[in-house]
Amino acid sequence: MTTSSLPSRGSGPGSDFVAVHDPPGPDLANDTPQHNPAPWAAYVSPVAPPLGCKVCGVTPTAPVTIRAHRGLVVIMRWCRADGPFCGFCGIALVREMTTATLRQGWWGVGSLIIGAPVALMSNLLAYRKLRRLQLAVPVPGTVRPRLGKPVLHRPSAYVALIPLTWAVVVITHLVLSAS
């Protein structure tokens, strides 16, 4: 005798109900617990082969995270690119995202104090790791990003001087007025 909220076969007003699958119930005649001979923990996944660059597919690569930060007056916005990158693609991305952080990352108090400096330091560490990689030969048929100018040769990187100058002036004024 089963107690179920589902209608049984051939009963009730819609007697056309047919169970597609009857799950096995407990074996009441045999009180021994059922043993799973191969638990999921016993399966070991194979080791993945080393990945190429996320952009162009070449090796050697470095597993780095490149960050950009945009400081808006009230809120902050983070962007990041994870992956294995070859030296060429990774440095191009570091240059692009660092310039974006220097241009847009300083326009809020939290961004000025925490956000932009954290993104810039993270990108500096990623840049150092990518610079140590050997030069890779590009894979035929793939498109590599433009390396572009170094960060300090880009005019938009100097937009960061505006809020930094403002912060120095405000801090200097606060220190001198407190004396």
Protein backbone atom coordinates (compact mmCIF):
# COMPACT_ATOMS: atom_id res chain seq x y z
CA MET A 1 0.00 0.00 0.00
CA THR A 2 1.52 3.28 -1.10
CA THR A 3 0.65 6.72 0.14
CA SER A 4 1.16 9.28 -2.54
CA SER A 5 -0.38 12.59 -3.49
CA LEU A 6 -0.12 11.63 -7.17
CA PRO A 7 -3.08 9.83 -8.70
CA SER A 8 -2.58 6.13 -9.21
CA ARG A 9 -3.17 4.36 -12.50
CA GLY A 10 -6.79 4.22 -13.56
CA SER A 11 -8.24 6.14 -10.63
CA GLY A 12 -9.97 9.49 -10.38
CA PRO A 13 -11.55 11.75 -12.92
CA GLY A 14 -8.60 11.83 -15.34
CA SER A 15 -7.89 8.11 -15.49
CA ASP A 16 -5.62 8.49 -18.52
CA PHE A 17 -2.63 9.17 -16.20
CA VAL A 18 0.28 6.83 -16.91
CA ALA A 19 3.41 6.88 -14.77
CA VAL A 20 6.48 7.20 -16.95
CA HIS A 21 8.90 6.11 -14.26
CA ASP A 22 8.28 4.32 -10.99
CA PRO A 23 11.28 5.03 -8.76
CA PRO A 24 12.48 2.03 -6.80
CA GLY A 25 11.39 1.99 -3.20
CA PRO A 26 13.33 0.65 -0.26
CA ASP A 27 13.80 -3.10 -0.24
CA LEU A 28 11.89 -4.02 2.91
CA ALA A 29 12.75 -7.71 2.61
CA ASN A 30 16.48 -7.01 2.75
CA ASP A 31 17.45 -4.60 5.56
CA THR A 32 21.07 -4.22 4.42
CA PRO A 33 21.84 -0.74 3.11
CA GLN A 34 22.51 -0.44 -0.59
CA HIS A 35 26.19 0.19 -1.29
CA ASN A 36 27.31 2.31 -4.18
CA PRO A 37 30.32 0.48 -5.64
CA ALA A 38 31.79 3.58 -7.32
CA PRO A 39 31.08 6.84 -5.54
CA TRP A 40 31.56 10.06 -7.50
CA ALA A 41 34.59 10.96 -5.42
CA ALA A 42 36.42 7.98 -6.88
CA TYR A 43 36.34 9.45 -10.38
CA VAL A 44 39.33 11.64 -11.11
CA SER A 45 39.10 14.09 -13.95
CA PRO A 46 42.03 14.10 -16.35
CA VAL A 47 44.50 16.95 -16.12
CA ALA A 48 43.73 19.66 -18.65
CA PRO A 49 46.47 20.45 -21.14
CA PRO A 50 48.17 23.81 -20.75
CA LEU A 51 46.14 26.55 -22.36
CA GLY A 52 47.40 29.00 -24.90
CA CYS A 53 46.82 32.72 -24.84
CA LYS A 54 43.18 33.65 -24.42
CA VAL A 55 43.43 36.13 -27.29
CA CYS A 56 45.72 34.58 -29.89
CA GLY A 57 46.31 30.98 -28.75
CA VAL A 58 50.13 30.98 -28.54
CA THR A 59 52.30 29.70 -25.72
CA PRO A 60 54.06 30.44 -23.34
CA THR A 61 51.48 32.23 -21.25
CA ALA A 62 51.13 33.60 -17.76
CA PRO A 63 47.98 33.35 -15.63
CA VAL A 64 47.37 37.01 -14.80
CA THR A 65 44.42 39.23 -13.95
CA ILE A 66 44.40 42.66 -15.53
CA ARG A 67 42.13 45.27 -13.94
CA ALA A 68 40.59 48.60 -14.85
CA HIS A 69 38.74 50.90 -12.50
CA ARG A 70 36.23 53.62 -13.30
CA GLY A 71 35.43 55.99 -10.49
CA LEU A 72 32.14 57.77 -10.77
CA VAL A 73 31.28 60.47 -8.25
CA VAL A 74 29.20 58.19 -6.02
CA ILE A 75 29.86 54.63 -7.26
CA MET A 76 32.82 52.63 -8.53
CA ARG A 77 32.98 50.21 -11.44
CA TRP A 78 35.56 47.44 -11.77
CA CYS A 79 36.53 45.63 -14.97
CA ARG A 80 38.89 42.70 -15.17
CA ALA A 81 40.32 40.31 -17.70
CA ASP A 82 41.35 36.90 -16.39
CA GLY A 83 43.26 34.39 -18.30
CA PRO A 84 46.40 33.05 -19.57
CA PHE A 85 47.88 35.73 -21.82
CA CYS A 86 51.03 35.66 -23.90
CA GLY A 87 53.45 38.52 -23.37
CA PHE A 88 52.35 40.47 -26.44
CA CYS A 89 48.57 40.30 -25.88
CA GLY A 90 48.88 40.70 -22.13
CA ILE A 91 51.06 43.81 -22.35
CA ALA A 92 48.71 45.33 -24.95
CA LEU A 93 45.78 44.72 -22.58
CA VAL A 94 47.70 46.07 -19.56
CA ARG A 95 48.49 49.26 -21.49
CA GLU A 96 44.88 49.72 -22.58
CA MET A 97 43.29 49.04 -19.18
CA THR A 98 45.90 51.04 -17.24
CA THR A 99 45.35 54.05 -19.49
CA ALA A 100 41.59 53.71 -18.98
CA THR A 101 42.13 53.62 -15.20
CA LEU A 102 44.37 56.69 -15.30
CA ARG A 103 41.80 58.54 -17.41
CA GLN A 104 38.57 57.47 -15.65
CA GLY A 105 39.56 55.89 -12.35
CA TRP A 106 40.00 58.90 -10.09
CA TRP A 107 36.63 60.64 -10.13
CA GLY A 108 35.35 59.64 -6.69
CA VAL A 109 36.69 59.75 -3.14
CA GLY A 110 36.74 55.96 -2.76
CA SER A 111 38.27 55.61 -6.19
CA LEU A 112 40.97 58.15 -5.43
CA ILE A 113 41.96 56.44 -2.19
CA ILE A 114 41.39 52.73 -2.91
CA GLY A 115 40.07 51.79 -6.35
CA ALA A 116 42.53 53.27 -8.82
CA PRO A 117 45.69 52.58 -6.77
CA VAL A 118 44.69 48.92 -6.32
CA ALA A 119 44.03 48.52 -10.06
CA LEU A 120 47.31 50.21 -10.98
CA MET A 121 49.38 48.09 -8.58
CA SER A 122 47.68 44.93 -9.80
CA ASN A 123 48.45 45.87 -13.40
CA LEU A 124 52.07 46.64 -12.52
CA LEU A 125 52.48 43.13 -11.06
CA ALA A 126 50.80 41.59 -14.12
CA TYR A 127 53.04 43.63 -16.44
CA ARG A 128 56.18 42.42 -14.68
CA LYS A 129 55.04 38.80 -14.95
CA LEU A 130 54.19 39.17 -18.66
CA ARG A 131 57.47 40.90 -19.46
CA ARG A 132 59.42 37.86 -18.23
CA LEU A 133 57.80 35.56 -20.82
CA GLN A 134 59.64 34.44 -23.93
CA LEU A 135 58.64 35.99 -27.22
CA ALA A 136 55.96 33.82 -28.85
CA VAL A 137 55.53 33.13 -32.55
CA PRO A 138 51.99 34.04 -33.64
CA VAL A 139 49.63 31.29 -34.77
CA PRO A 140 48.77 31.66 -38.49
CA GLY A 141 45.25 32.93 -39.05
CA THR A 142 44.86 34.65 -35.68
CA VAL A 143 44.64 38.38 -35.09
CA ARG A 144 46.75 39.91 -32.37
CA PRO A 145 45.87 43.23 -30.74
CA ARG A 146 47.83 46.38 -31.45
CA LEU A 147 50.54 46.86 -28.84
CA GLY A 148 50.13 50.63 -28.91
CA LYS A 149 52.24 53.23 -27.21
CA PRO A 150 53.53 52.78 -23.66
CA VAL A 151 51.21 54.18 -21.00
CA LEU A 152 53.23 57.32 -20.26
CA HIS A 153 53.37 58.20 -23.98
CA ARG A 154 49.57 58.41 -24.19
CA PRO A 155 48.09 61.87 -23.54
CA SER A 156 44.94 60.51 -21.88
CA ALA A 157 47.04 58.94 -19.12
CA TYR A 158 47.82 62.42 -17.80
CA VAL A 159 44.17 63.16 -17.02
CA ALA A 160 44.93 61.55 -13.65
CA LEU A 161 46.96 64.63 -12.71
CA ILE A 162 43.76 66.69 -12.32
CA PRO A 163 42.24 64.79 -9.35
CA LEU A 164 45.67 64.05 -7.89
CA THR A 165 46.51 67.77 -7.88
CA TRP A 166 43.13 68.51 -6.33
CA ALA A 167 43.73 65.90 -3.61
CA VAL A 168 47.17 67.33 -2.80
CA VAL A 169 45.75 70.85 -2.58
CA VAL A 170 42.88 69.76 -0.31
CA ILE A 171 45.12 67.71 1.98
CA THR A 172 47.66 70.55 2.19
CA HIS A 173 44.89 73.02 3.02
CA LEU A 174 43.51 70.72 5.73
CA VAL A 175 46.94 70.22 7.30
CA LEU A 176 47.80 73.92 7.23
CA SER A 177 44.41 75.06 8.57
CA ALA A 178 44.61 72.56 11.44
CA SER A 179 47.95 74.04 12.60
